[in-house]
């Protein structure tokens, strides 16, 4: 049994989730992720940290897949939503910028370098 980022528990056998076991999240969840991703604040942060804007199309596609899945129960839409949920569970941060020192340099306050 595994739990998803939404707190639900799904029974998973060999990473294959059948339609009867998969409980689709609310499509509003994907909309919120897409709206946050496309926000100017998030895009500014992404550009500042990584030097490029974040591609938010995956969240829009996931939202559209969720809407289609609610009516058609398409396995392709289900698999895409599972992939986006798994991708979103792991958060990567930027690498460490500063070196950690045990002690300051002996001349740190003298104005010399």
PDB file of N, CA and C in Angstrom:
ATOM      1  N   UNK A   1       0.841  -1.168   0.000  1.00  0.00           N
ATOM      2  CA  UNK A   1       0.000   0.000   0.000  1.00  0.00           C
ATOM      3  C   UNK A   1       0.889   1.234   0.000  1.00  0.00           C
ATOM      4  N   UNK A   2       0.569   2.206  -0.815  1.00  0.00           N
ATOM      5  CA  UNK A   2       1.318   3.460  -0.837  1.00  0.00           C
ATOM      6  C   UNK A   2       0.354   4.602  -0.626  1.00  0.00           C
ATOM      7  N   UNK A   3       0.888   5.696  -0.116  1.00  0.00           N
ATOM      8  CA  UNK A   3       0.038   6.874   0.031  1.00  0.00           C
ATOM      9  C   UNK A   3       0.508   7.919  -0.955  1.00  0.00           C
ATOM     10  N   UNK A   4      -0.425   8.626  -1.511  1.00  0.00           N
ATOM     11  CA  UNK A   4      -0.097   9.651  -2.493  1.00  0.00           C
ATOM     12  C   UNK A   4       0.088  10.984  -1.792  1.00  0.00           C
ATOM     13  N   UNK A   5       0.428  12.000  -2.558  1.00  0.00           N
ATOM     14  CA  UNK A   5       0.635  13.314  -1.981  1.00  0.00           C
ATOM     15  C   UNK A   5      -0.661  13.926  -1.474  1.00  0.00           C
ATOM     16  N   UNK A   6      -1.776  13.351  -1.843  1.00  0.00           N
ATOM     17  CA  UNK A   6      -3.067  13.863  -1.415  1.00  0.00           C
ATOM     18  C   UNK A   6      -3.584  13.121  -0.187  1.00  0.00           C
ATOM     19  N   UNK A   7      -2.766  12.229   0.390  1.00  0.00           N
ATOM     20  CA  UNK A   7      -3.148  11.534   1.603  1.00  0.00           C
ATOM     21  C   UNK A   7      -3.994  10.303   1.366  1.00  0.00           C
ATOM     22  N   UNK A   8      -4.267   9.962   0.114  1.00  0.00           N
ATOM     23  CA  UNK A   8      -5.050   8.777  -0.165  1.00  0.00           C
ATOM     24  C   UNK A   8      -4.135   7.565  -0.147  1.00  0.00           C
ATOM     25  N   UNK A   9      -4.692   6.409   0.083  1.00  0.00           N
ATOM     26  CA  UNK A   9      -3.893   5.201   0.042  1.00  0.00           C
ATOM     27  C   UNK A   9      -4.367   4.349  -1.118  1.00  0.00           C
ATOM     28  N   UNK A  10      -3.414   3.955  -1.952  1.00  0.00           N
ATOM     29  CA  UNK A  10      -3.725   3.131  -3.112  1.00  0.00           C
ATOM     30  C   UNK A  10      -2.990   1.806  -2.988  1.00  0.00           C
ATOM     31  N   UNK A  11      -3.631   0.736  -3.417  1.00  0.00           N
ATOM     32  CA  UNK A  11      -2.993  -0.566  -3.450  1.00  0.00           C
ATOM     33  C   UNK A  11      -2.248  -0.669  -4.773  1.00  0.00           C
ATOM     34  N   UNK A  12      -0.944  -0.909  -4.693  1.00  0.00           N
ATOM     35  CA  UNK A  12      -0.120  -0.932  -5.894  1.00  0.00           C
ATOM     36  C   UNK A  12       0.560  -2.286  -5.982  1.00  0.00           C
ATOM     37  N   UNK A  13       0.431  -2.931  -7.116  1.00  0.00           N
ATOM     38  CA  UNK A  13       1.132  -4.165  -7.385  1.00  0.00           C
ATOM     39  C   UNK A  13       1.989  -3.957  -8.612  1.00  0.00           C
ATOM     40  N   UNK A  14       3.304  -4.057  -8.448  1.00  0.00           N
ATOM     41  CA  UNK A  14       4.260  -3.878  -9.548  1.00  0.00           C
ATOM     42  C   UNK A  14       4.088  -2.534 -10.244  1.00  0.00           C
ATOM     43  N   UNK A  15       3.761  -1.505  -9.506  1.00  0.00           N
ATOM     44  CA  UNK A  15       3.580  -0.150 -10.033  1.00  0.00           C
ATOM     45  C   UNK A  15       2.480  -0.060 -11.092  1.00  0.00           C
ATOM     46  N   UNK A  16       1.600  -1.015 -11.182  1.00  0.00           N
ATOM     47  CA  UNK A  16       0.474  -0.954 -12.107  1.00  0.00           C
ATOM     48  C   UNK A  16      -0.794  -0.746 -11.294  1.00  0.00           C
ATOM     49  N   UNK A  17      -1.424   0.372 -11.490  1.00  0.00           N
ATOM     50  CA  UNK A  17      -2.647   0.692 -10.764  1.00  0.00           C
ATOM     51  C   UNK A  17      -3.810   0.505 -11.728  1.00  0.00           C
ATOM     52  N   UNK A  18      -4.742  -0.344 -11.359  1.00  0.00           N
ATOM     53  CA  UNK A  18      -5.884  -0.575 -12.233  1.00  0.00           C
ATOM     54  C   UNK A  18      -6.909   0.529 -12.033  1.00  0.00           C
ATOM     55  N   UNK A  19      -7.854   0.588 -12.951  1.00  0.00           N
ATOM     56  CA  UNK A  19      -8.878   1.625 -12.902  1.00  0.00           C
ATOM     57  C   UNK A  19      -9.704   1.537 -11.629  1.00  0.00           C
ATOM     58  N   UNK A  20      -9.997   0.329 -11.169  1.00  0.00           N
ATOM     59  CA  UNK A  20     -10.819   0.186  -9.970  1.00  0.00           C
ATOM     60  C   UNK A  20     -10.068   0.635  -8.722  1.00  0.00           C
ATOM     61  N   UNK A  21      -8.712   0.528  -8.721  1.00  0.00           N
ATOM     62  CA  UNK A  21      -7.924   0.925  -7.562  1.00  0.00           C
ATOM     63  C   UNK A  21      -7.572   2.401  -7.582  1.00  0.00           C
ATOM     64  N   UNK A  22      -7.556   3.014  -8.757  1.00  0.00           N
ATOM     65  CA  UNK A  22      -7.127   4.405  -8.881  1.00  0.00           C
ATOM     66  C   UNK A  22      -8.269   5.344  -8.545  1.00  0.00           C
ATOM     67  N   UNK A  23      -8.014   6.196  -7.598  1.00  0.00           N
ATOM     68  CA  UNK A  23      -8.993   7.223  -7.251  1.00  0.00           C
ATOM     69  C   UNK A  23      -8.423   8.549  -7.734  1.00  0.00           C
ATOM     70  N   UNK A  24      -9.023   9.095  -8.753  1.00  0.00           N
ATOM     71  CA  UNK A  24      -8.523  10.336  -9.355  1.00  0.00           C
ATOM     72  C   UNK A  24      -8.646  11.489  -8.368  1.00  0.00           C
ATOM     73  N   UNK A  25      -7.611  12.304  -8.273  1.00  0.00           N
ATOM     74  CA  UNK A  25      -7.711  13.479  -7.409  1.00  0.00           C
ATOM     75  C   UNK A  25      -8.682  14.491  -8.016  1.00  0.00           C
ATOM     76  N   UNK A  26      -9.034  15.454  -7.253  1.00  0.00           N
ATOM     77  CA  UNK A  26      -9.918  16.496  -7.776  1.00  0.00           C
ATOM     78  C   UNK A  26      -9.160  17.285  -8.840  1.00  0.00           C
ATOM     79  N   UNK A  27      -9.838  17.585  -9.912  1.00  0.00           N
ATOM     80  CA  UNK A  27      -9.207  18.326 -11.005  1.00  0.00           C
ATOM     81  C   UNK A  27      -8.798  19.719 -10.562  1.00  0.00           C
ATOM     82  N   UNK A  28      -9.446  20.210  -9.532  1.00  0.00           N
ATOM     83  CA  UNK A  28      -9.089  21.516  -8.988  1.00  0.00           C
ATOM     84  C   UNK A  28      -7.666  21.516  -8.427  1.00  0.00           C
ATOM     85  N   UNK A  29      -7.200  20.349  -7.955  1.00  0.00           N
ATOM     86  CA  UNK A  29      -5.830  20.242  -7.454  1.00  0.00           C
ATOM     87  C   UNK A  29      -4.831  20.548  -8.568  1.00  0.00           C
ATOM     88  N   UNK A  30      -5.062  19.982  -9.754  1.00  0.00           N
ATOM     89  CA  UNK A  30      -4.175  20.239 -10.891  1.00  0.00           C
ATOM     90  C   UNK A  30      -4.294  21.695 -11.357  1.00  0.00           C
ATOM     91  N   UNK A  31      -5.498  22.238 -11.298  1.00  0.00           N
ATOM     92  CA  UNK A  31      -5.686  23.637 -11.668  1.00  0.00           C
ATOM     93  C   UNK A  31      -4.893  24.550 -10.740  1.00  0.00           C
ATOM     94  N   UNK A  32      -4.941  24.251  -9.432  1.00  0.00           N
ATOM     95  CA  UNK A  32      -4.201  25.063  -8.470  1.00  0.00           C
ATOM     96  C   UNK A  32      -2.695  24.977  -8.712  1.00  0.00           C
ATOM     97  N   UNK A  33      -2.212  23.777  -9.027  1.00  0.00           N
ATOM     98  CA  UNK A  33      -0.786  23.619  -9.323  1.00  0.00           C
ATOM     99  C   UNK A  33      -0.403  24.399 -10.581  1.00  0.00           C
ATOM    100  N   UNK A  34      -1.254  24.367 -11.578  1.00  0.00           N
ATOM    101  CA  UNK A  34      -0.988  25.087 -12.820  1.00  0.00           C
ATOM    102  C   UNK A  34      -1.012  26.595 -12.579  1.00  0.00           C
ATOM    103  N   UNK A  35      -2.004  27.056 -11.814  1.00  0.00           N
ATOM    104  CA  UNK A  35      -2.112  28.486 -11.526  1.00  0.00           C
ATOM    105  C   UNK A  35      -0.917  28.980 -10.726  1.00  0.00           C
ATOM    106  N   UNK A  36      -0.467  28.207  -9.733  1.00  0.00           N
ATOM    107  CA  UNK A  36       0.703  28.594  -8.961  1.00  0.00           C
ATOM    108  C   UNK A  36       1.956  28.595  -9.832  1.00  0.00           C
ATOM    109  N   UNK A  37       2.109  27.573 -10.661  1.00  0.00           N
ATOM    110  CA  UNK A  37       3.281  27.474 -11.520  1.00  0.00           C
ATOM    111  C   UNK A  37       3.364  28.662 -12.467  1.00  0.00           C
ATOM    112  N   UNK A  38       2.237  29.078 -13.012  1.00  0.00           N
ATOM    113  CA  UNK A  38       2.214  30.166 -13.988  1.00  0.00           C
ATOM    114  C   UNK A  38       2.238  31.547 -13.340  1.00  0.00           C
ATOM    115  N   UNK A  39       2.172  31.607 -12.020  1.00  0.00           N
ATOM    116  CA  UNK A  39       2.147  32.912 -11.358  1.00  0.00           C
ATOM    117  C   UNK A  39       3.463  33.643 -11.558  1.00  0.00           C
ATOM    118  N   UNK A  40       3.388  34.952 -11.561  1.00  0.00           N
ATOM    119  CA  UNK A  40       4.594  35.753 -11.779  1.00  0.00           C
ATOM    120  C   UNK A  40       5.590  35.567 -10.639  1.00  0.00           C
ATOM    121  N   UNK A  41       5.106  35.379  -9.439  1.00  0.00           N
ATOM    122  CA  UNK A  41       6.007  35.172  -8.302  1.00  0.00           C
ATOM    123  C   UNK A  41       6.813  33.897  -8.470  1.00  0.00           C
ATOM    124  N   UNK A  42       6.168  32.810  -8.813  1.00  0.00           N
ATOM    125  CA  UNK A  42       6.871  31.548  -8.999  1.00  0.00           C
ATOM    126  C   UNK A  42       7.829  31.622 -10.181  1.00  0.00           C
ATOM    127  N   UNK A  43       7.394  32.228 -11.279  1.00  0.00           N
ATOM    128  CA  UNK A  43       8.263  32.325 -12.453  1.00  0.00           C
ATOM    129  C   UNK A  43       9.496  33.183 -12.153  1.00  0.00           C
ATOM    130  N   UNK A  44       9.309  34.264 -11.390  1.00  0.00           N
ATOM    131  CA  UNK A  44      10.446  35.084 -11.005  1.00  0.00           C
ATOM    132  C   UNK A  44      11.419  34.275 -10.149  1.00  0.00           C
ATOM    133  N   UNK A  45      10.884  33.518  -9.206  1.00  0.00           N
ATOM    134  CA  UNK A  45      11.712  32.678  -8.345  1.00  0.00           C
ATOM    135  C   UNK A  45      12.483  31.652  -9.169  1.00  0.00           C
ATOM    136  N   UNK A  46      11.805  30.989 -10.099  1.00  0.00           N
ATOM    137  CA  UNK A  46      12.460  29.995 -10.939  1.00  0.00           C
ATOM    138  C   UNK A  46      13.574  30.621 -11.775  1.00  0.00           C
ATOM    139  N   UNK A  47      13.311  31.800 -12.319  1.00  0.00           N
ATOM    140  CA  UNK A  47      14.313  32.482 -13.136  1.00  0.00           C
ATOM    141  C   UNK A  47      15.498  32.917 -12.280  1.00  0.00           C
ATOM    142  N   UNK A  48      15.233  33.371 -11.073  1.00  0.00           N
ATOM    143  CA  UNK A  48      16.283  33.822 -10.175  1.00  0.00           C
ATOM    144  C   UNK A  48      17.167  32.652  -9.730  1.00  0.00           C
ATOM    145  N   UNK A  49      16.553  31.531  -9.371  1.00  0.00           N
ATOM    146  CA  UNK A  49      17.301  30.390  -8.849  1.00  0.00           C
ATOM    147  C   UNK A  49      17.960  29.582  -9.967  1.00  0.00           C
ATOM    148  N   UNK A  50      17.201  29.246 -11.006  1.00  0.00           N
ATOM    149  CA  UNK A  50      17.692  28.320 -12.031  1.00  0.00           C
ATOM    150  C   UNK A  50      18.098  28.994 -13.334  1.00  0.00           C
ATOM    151  N   UNK A  51      17.761  30.270 -13.516  1.00  0.00           N
ATOM    152  CA  UNK A  51      18.141  30.979 -14.725  1.00  0.00           C
ATOM    153  C   UNK A  51      17.215  30.750 -15.900  1.00  0.00           C
ATOM    154  N   UNK A  52      16.080  30.118 -15.665  1.00  0.00           N
ATOM    155  CA  UNK A  52      15.103  29.910 -16.731  1.00  0.00           C
ATOM    156  C   UNK A  52      13.712  29.805 -16.115  1.00  0.00           C
ATOM    157  N   UNK A  53      12.723  30.046 -16.958  1.00  0.00           N
ATOM    158  CA  UNK A  53      11.341  29.947 -16.500  1.00  0.00           C
ATOM    159  C   UNK A  53      10.910  28.492 -16.447  1.00  0.00           C
ATOM    160  N   UNK A  54       9.970  28.183 -15.568  1.00  0.00           N
ATOM    161  CA  UNK A  54       9.456  26.826 -15.420  1.00  0.00           C
ATOM    162  C   UNK A  54       8.391  26.557 -16.475  1.00  0.00           C
ATOM    163  N   UNK A  55       8.430  25.369 -17.052  1.00  0.00           N
ATOM    164  CA  UNK A  55       7.417  24.970 -18.023  1.00  0.00           C
ATOM    165  C   UNK A  55       6.206  24.435 -17.267  1.00  0.00           C
ATOM    166  N   UNK A  56       5.079  25.126 -17.395  1.00  0.00           N
ATOM    167  CA  UNK A  56       3.877  24.770 -16.641  1.00  0.00           C
ATOM    168  C   UNK A  56       2.885  23.957 -17.467  1.00  0.00           C
ATOM    169  N   UNK A  57       3.253  23.633 -18.688  1.00  0.00           N
ATOM    170  CA  UNK A  57       2.305  22.935 -19.557  1.00  0.00           C
ATOM    171  C   UNK A  57       1.936  21.548 -19.031  1.00  0.00           C
ATOM    172  N   UNK A  58       2.818  20.919 -18.258  1.00  0.00           N
ATOM    173  CA  UNK A  58       2.523  19.587 -17.745  1.00  0.00           C
ATOM    174  C   UNK A  58       1.331  19.626 -16.785  1.00  0.00           C
ATOM    175  N   UNK A  59       1.210  20.691 -15.999  1.00  0.00           N
ATOM    176  CA  UNK A  59       0.080  20.789 -15.077  1.00  0.00           C
ATOM    177  C   UNK A  59      -1.222  21.082 -15.812  1.00  0.00           C
ATOM    178  N   UNK A  60      -1.139  21.861 -16.870  1.00  0.00           N
ATOM    179  CA  UNK A  60      -2.330  22.114 -17.681  1.00  0.00           C
ATOM    180  C   UNK A  60      -2.791  20.826 -18.364  1.00  0.00           C
ATOM    181  N   UNK A  61      -1.827  20.059 -18.893  1.00  0.00           N
ATOM    182  CA  UNK A  61      -2.173  18.779 -19.523  1.00  0.00           C
ATOM    183  C   UNK A  61      -2.758  17.814 -18.497  1.00  0.00           C
ATOM    184  N   UNK A  62      -2.220  17.830 -17.287  1.00  0.00           N
ATOM    185  CA  UNK A  62      -2.745  16.959 -16.233  1.00  0.00           C
ATOM    186  C   UNK A  62      -4.164  17.358 -15.865  1.00  0.00           C
ATOM    187  N   UNK A  63      -4.438  18.656 -15.827  1.00  0.00           N
ATOM    188  CA  UNK A  63      -5.794  19.118 -15.534  1.00  0.00           C
ATOM    189  C   UNK A  63      -6.762  18.656 -16.626  1.00  0.00           C
ATOM    190  N   UNK A  64      -6.342  18.793 -17.887  1.00  0.00           N
ATOM    191  CA  UNK A  64      -7.202  18.360 -18.989  1.00  0.00           C
ATOM    192  C   UNK A  64      -7.375  16.838 -18.976  1.00  0.00           C
ATOM    193  N   UNK A  65      -6.315  16.106 -18.632  1.00  0.00           N
ATOM    194  CA  UNK A  65      -6.415  14.647 -18.528  1.00  0.00           C
ATOM    195  C   UNK A  65      -7.372  14.255 -17.415  1.00  0.00           C
ATOM    196  N   UNK A  66      -7.328  14.986 -16.320  1.00  0.00           N
ATOM    197  CA  UNK A  66      -8.232  14.708 -15.206  1.00  0.00           C
ATOM    198  C   UNK A  66      -9.683  14.896 -15.630  1.00  0.00           C
ATOM    199  N   UNK A  67      -9.953  15.976 -16.345  1.00  0.00           N
ATOM    200  CA  UNK A  67     -11.325  16.233 -16.808  1.00  0.00           C
ATOM    201  C   UNK A  67     -11.776  15.138 -17.765  1.00  0.00           C
ATOM    202  N   UNK A  68     -10.897  14.749 -18.687  1.00  0.00           N
ATOM    203  CA  UNK A  68     -11.237  13.671 -19.626  1.00  0.00           C
ATOM    204  C   UNK A  68     -11.414  12.346 -18.897  1.00  0.00           C
ATOM    205  N   UNK A  69     -10.571  12.079 -17.896  1.00  0.00           N
ATOM    206  CA  UNK A  69     -10.639  10.816 -17.173  1.00  0.00           C
ATOM    207  C   UNK A  69     -11.956  10.676 -16.413  1.00  0.00           C
ATOM    208  N   UNK A  70     -12.468  11.778 -15.914  1.00  0.00           N
ATOM    209  CA  UNK A  70     -13.737  11.739 -15.173  1.00  0.00           C
ATOM    210  C   UNK A  70     -14.878  11.237 -16.046  1.00  0.00           C
ATOM    211  N   UNK A  71     -14.793  11.486 -17.362  1.00  0.00           N
ATOM    212  CA  UNK A  71     -15.884  11.072 -18.248  1.00  0.00           C
ATOM    213  C   UNK A  71     -15.576   9.783 -19.014  1.00  0.00           C
ATOM    214  N   UNK A  72     -14.315   9.586 -19.416  1.00  0.00           N
ATOM    215  CA  UNK A  72     -14.009   8.447 -20.293  1.00  0.00           C
ATOM    216  C   UNK A  72     -13.310   7.296 -19.603  1.00  0.00           C
ATOM    217  N   UNK A  73     -12.694   7.524 -18.448  1.00  0.00           N
ATOM    218  CA  UNK A  73     -11.905   6.507 -17.731  1.00  0.00           C
ATOM    219  C   UNK A  73     -10.787   5.951 -18.615  1.00  0.00           C
ATOM    220  N   UNK A  74     -10.182   6.812 -19.390  1.00  0.00           N
ATOM    221  CA  UNK A  74      -9.117   6.430 -20.312  1.00  0.00           C
ATOM    222  C   UNK A  74      -7.854   6.027 -19.555  1.00  0.00           C
ATOM    223  N   UNK A  75      -7.255   4.883 -19.897  1.00  0.00           N
ATOM    224  CA  UNK A  75      -6.013   4.472 -19.218  1.00  0.00           C
ATOM    225  C   UNK A  75      -4.838   5.418 -19.509  1.00  0.00           C
ATOM    226  N   UNK A  76      -4.826   6.030 -20.690  1.00  0.00           N
ATOM    227  CA  UNK A  76      -3.747   6.968 -21.008  1.00  0.00           C
ATOM    228  C   UNK A  76      -3.808   8.191 -20.087  1.00  0.00           C
ATOM    229  N   UNK A  77      -5.011   8.695 -19.869  1.00  0.00           N
ATOM    230  CA  UNK A  77      -5.179   9.840 -18.975  1.00  0.00           C
ATOM    231  C   UNK A  77      -4.820   9.467 -17.542  1.00  0.00           C
ATOM    232  N   UNK A  78      -5.240   8.278 -17.129  1.00  0.00           N
ATOM    233  CA  UNK A  78      -4.916   7.800 -15.775  1.00  0.00           C
ATOM    234  C   UNK A  78      -3.406   7.698 -15.588  1.00  0.00           C
ATOM    235  N   UNK A  79      -2.717   7.104 -16.550  1.00  0.00           N
ATOM    236  CA  UNK A  79      -1.269   6.940 -16.447  1.00  0.00           C
ATOM    237  C   UNK A  79      -0.546   8.280 -16.435  1.00  0.00           C
ATOM    238  N   UNK A  80      -1.045   9.233 -17.216  1.00  0.00           N
ATOM    239  CA  UNK A  80      -0.427  10.554 -17.231  1.00  0.00           C
ATOM    240  C   UNK A  80      -0.597  11.243 -15.884  1.00  0.00           C
ATOM    241  N   UNK A  81      -1.783  11.134 -15.284  1.00  0.00           N
ATOM    242  CA  UNK A  81      -2.007  11.744 -13.974  1.00  0.00           C
ATOM    243  C   UNK A  81      -1.119  11.102 -12.915  1.00  0.00           C
ATOM    244  N   UNK A  82      -0.971   9.777 -12.960  1.00  0.00           N
ATOM    245  CA  UNK A  82      -0.099   9.082 -12.008  1.00  0.00           C
ATOM    246  C   UNK A  82       1.335   9.559 -12.172  1.00  0.00           C
ATOM    247  N   UNK A  83       1.774   9.719 -13.410  1.00  0.00           N
ATOM    248  CA  UNK A  83       3.131  10.188 -13.676  1.00  0.00           C
ATOM    249  C   UNK A  83       3.349  11.600 -13.125  1.00  0.00           C
ATOM    250  N   UNK A  84       2.376  12.478 -13.315  1.00  0.00           N
ATOM    251  CA  UNK A  84       2.499  13.851 -12.809  1.00  0.00           C
ATOM    252  C   UNK A  84       2.494  13.851 -11.282  1.00  0.00           C
ATOM    253  N   UNK A  85       1.654  13.027 -10.663  1.00  0.00           N
ATOM    254  CA  UNK A  85       1.630  12.956  -9.209  1.00  0.00           C
ATOM    255  C   UNK A  85       2.954  12.451  -8.659  1.00  0.00           C
ATOM    256  N   UNK A  86       3.532  11.436  -9.284  1.00  0.00           N
ATOM    257  CA  UNK A  86       4.833  10.917  -8.837  1.00  0.00           C
ATOM    258  C   UNK A  86       5.931  11.954  -9.055  1.00  0.00           C
ATOM    259  N   UNK A  87       5.882  12.655 -10.179  1.00  0.00           N
ATOM    260  CA  UNK A  87       6.877  13.678 -10.465  1.00  0.00           C
ATOM    261  C   UNK A  87       6.805  14.780  -9.416  1.00  0.00           C
ATOM    262  N   UNK A  88       5.640  15.092  -8.954  1.00  0.00           N
ATOM    263  CA  UNK A  88       5.441  16.186  -8.027  1.00  0.00           C
ATOM    264  C   UNK A  88       5.757  15.794  -6.588  1.00  0.00           C
ATOM    265  N   UNK A  89       5.885  14.485  -6.291  1.00  0.00           N
ATOM    266  CA  UNK A  89       6.195  14.062  -4.933  1.00  0.00           C
ATOM    267  C   UNK A  89       7.636  14.368  -4.562  1.00  0.00           C
ATOM    268  N   UNK A  90       8.535  14.369  -5.541  1.00  0.00           N
ATOM    269  CA  UNK A  90       9.947  14.594  -5.289  1.00  0.00           C
ATOM    270  C   UNK A  90      10.258  16.048  -5.608  1.00  0.00           C
ATOM    271  N   UNK A  91      10.758  16.750  -4.632  1.00  0.00           N
ATOM    272  CA  UNK A  91      11.115  18.153  -4.823  1.00  0.00           C
ATOM    273  C   UNK A  91      12.629  18.273  -4.757  1.00  0.00           C
ATOM    274  N   UNK A  92      13.178  18.892  -5.781  1.00  0.00           N
ATOM    275  CA  UNK A  92      14.604  19.128  -5.809  1.00  0.00           C
ATOM    276  C   UNK A  92      14.857  20.594  -5.507  1.00  0.00           C
ATOM    277  N   UNK A  93      15.912  20.851  -4.787  1.00  0.00           N
ATOM    278  CA  UNK A  93      16.301  22.220  -4.513  1.00  0.00           C
ATOM    279  C   UNK A  93      17.633  22.494  -5.194  1.00  0.00           C
ATOM    280  N   UNK A  94      17.985  23.732  -5.243  1.00  0.00           N
ATOM    281  CA  UNK A  94      19.261  24.074  -5.851  1.00  0.00           C
ATOM    282  C   UNK A  94      20.395  23.537  -4.984  1.00  0.00           C
ATOM    283  N   UNK A  95      21.533  23.357  -5.590  1.00  0.00           N
ATOM    284  CA  UNK A  95      22.669  22.824  -4.857  1.00  0.00           C
ATOM    285  C   UNK A  95      23.191  23.857  -3.861  1.00  0.00           C
ATOM    286  N   UNK A  96      24.003  23.395  -2.958  1.00  0.00           N
ATOM    287  CA  UNK A  96      24.580  24.263  -1.954  1.00  0.00           C
ATOM    288  C   UNK A  96      25.515  25.262  -2.620  1.00  0.00           C
ATOM    289  N   UNK A  97      25.377  26.512  -2.288  1.00  0.00           N
ATOM    290  CA  UNK A  97      26.174  27.564  -2.895  1.00  0.00           C
ATOM    291  C   UNK A  97      27.403  27.866  -2.042  1.00  0.00           C
ATOM    292  N   UNK A  98      27.239  27.844  -0.749  1.00  0.00           N
ATOM    293  CA  UNK A  98      28.316  28.243   0.148  1.00  0.00           C
ATOM    294  C   UNK A  98      29.061  27.034   0.688  1.00  0.00           C
ATOM    295  N   UNK A  99      30.350  27.244   0.928  1.00  0.00           N
ATOM    296  CA  UNK A  99      31.137  26.226   1.610  1.00  0.00           C
ATOM    297  C   UNK A  99      30.982  26.428   3.105  1.00  0.00           C
ATOM    298  N   UNK A 100      30.827  25.352   3.821  1.00  0.00           N
ATOM    299  CA  UNK A 100      30.708  25.465   5.268  1.00  0.00           C
ATOM    300  C   UNK A 100      32.108  25.420   5.871  1.00  0.00           C
ATOM    301  N   UNK A 101      32.411  26.412   6.684  1.00  0.00           N
ATOM    302  CA  UNK A 101      33.710  26.473   7.357  1.00  0.00           C
ATOM    303  C   UNK A 101      33.520  26.120   8.822  1.00  0.00           C
ATOM    304  N   UNK A 102      34.502  25.468   9.353  1.00  0.00           N
ATOM    305  CA  UNK A 102      34.464  25.144  10.772  1.00  0.00           C
ATOM    306  C   UNK A 102      34.821  26.369  11.614  1.00  0.00           C
ATOM    307  N   UNK A 103      35.805  27.125  11.158  1.00  0.00           N
ATOM    308  CA  UNK A 103      36.249  28.316  11.885  1.00  0.00           C
ATOM    309  C   UNK A 103      36.422  29.467  10.897  1.00  0.00           C
ATOM    310  N   UNK A 104      36.187  30.705  11.345  1.00  0.00           N
ATOM    311  CA  UNK A 104      36.420  31.834  10.444  1.00  0.00           C
ATOM    312  C   UNK A 104      37.921  32.026  10.233  1.00  0.00           C
ATOM    313  N   UNK A 105      38.256  32.707   9.162  1.00  0.00           N
ATOM    314  CA  UNK A 105      39.669  32.998   8.920  1.00  0.00           C
ATOM    315  C   UNK A 105      40.212  33.873  10.041  1.00  0.00           C
ATOM    316  N   UNK A 106      41.503  33.765  10.260  1.00  0.00           N
ATOM    317  CA  UNK A 106      42.091  34.501  11.382  1.00  0.00           C
ATOM    318  C   UNK A 106      42.072  36.010  11.166  1.00  0.00           C
ATOM    319  N   UNK A 107      41.990  36.462   9.933  1.00  0.00           N
ATOM    320  CA  UNK A 107      42.004  37.892   9.663  1.00  0.00           C
ATOM    321  C   UNK A 107      40.641  38.408   9.188  1.00  0.00           C
ATOM    322  N   UNK A 108      39.579  37.760   9.563  1.00  0.00           N
ATOM    323  CA  UNK A 108      38.258  38.106   9.044  1.00  0.00           C
ATOM    324  C   UNK A 108      37.815  39.502   9.467  1.00  0.00           C
ATOM    325  N   UNK A 109      38.262  40.033  10.556  1.00  0.00           N
ATOM    326  CA  UNK A 109      37.820  41.332  11.026  1.00  0.00           C
ATOM    327  C   UNK A 109      38.884  42.418  10.859  1.00  0.00           C
ATOM    328  N   UNK A 110      40.009  42.098  10.229  1.00  0.00           N
ATOM    329  CA  UNK A 110      41.093  43.078  10.131  1.00  0.00           C
ATOM    330  C   UNK A 110      41.001  43.940   8.870  1.00  0.00           C
ATOM    331  N   UNK A 111      40.133  43.582   7.928  1.00  0.00           N
ATOM    332  CA  UNK A 111      40.000  44.335   6.691  1.00  0.00           C
ATOM    333  C   UNK A 111      40.945  43.863   5.596  1.00  0.00           C
ATOM    334  N   UNK A 112      41.784  42.879   5.866  1.00  0.00           N
ATOM    335  CA  UNK A 112      42.704  42.316   4.877  1.00  0.00           C
ATOM    336  C   UNK A 112      42.083  41.081   4.266  1.00  0.00           C
ATOM    337  N   UNK A 113      42.481  40.789   3.060  1.00  0.00           N
ATOM    338  CA  UNK A 113      41.992  39.558   2.440  1.00  0.00           C
ATOM    339  C   UNK A 113      43.084  38.726   1.926  1.00  0.00           C
TER     340      UNK A 113
END
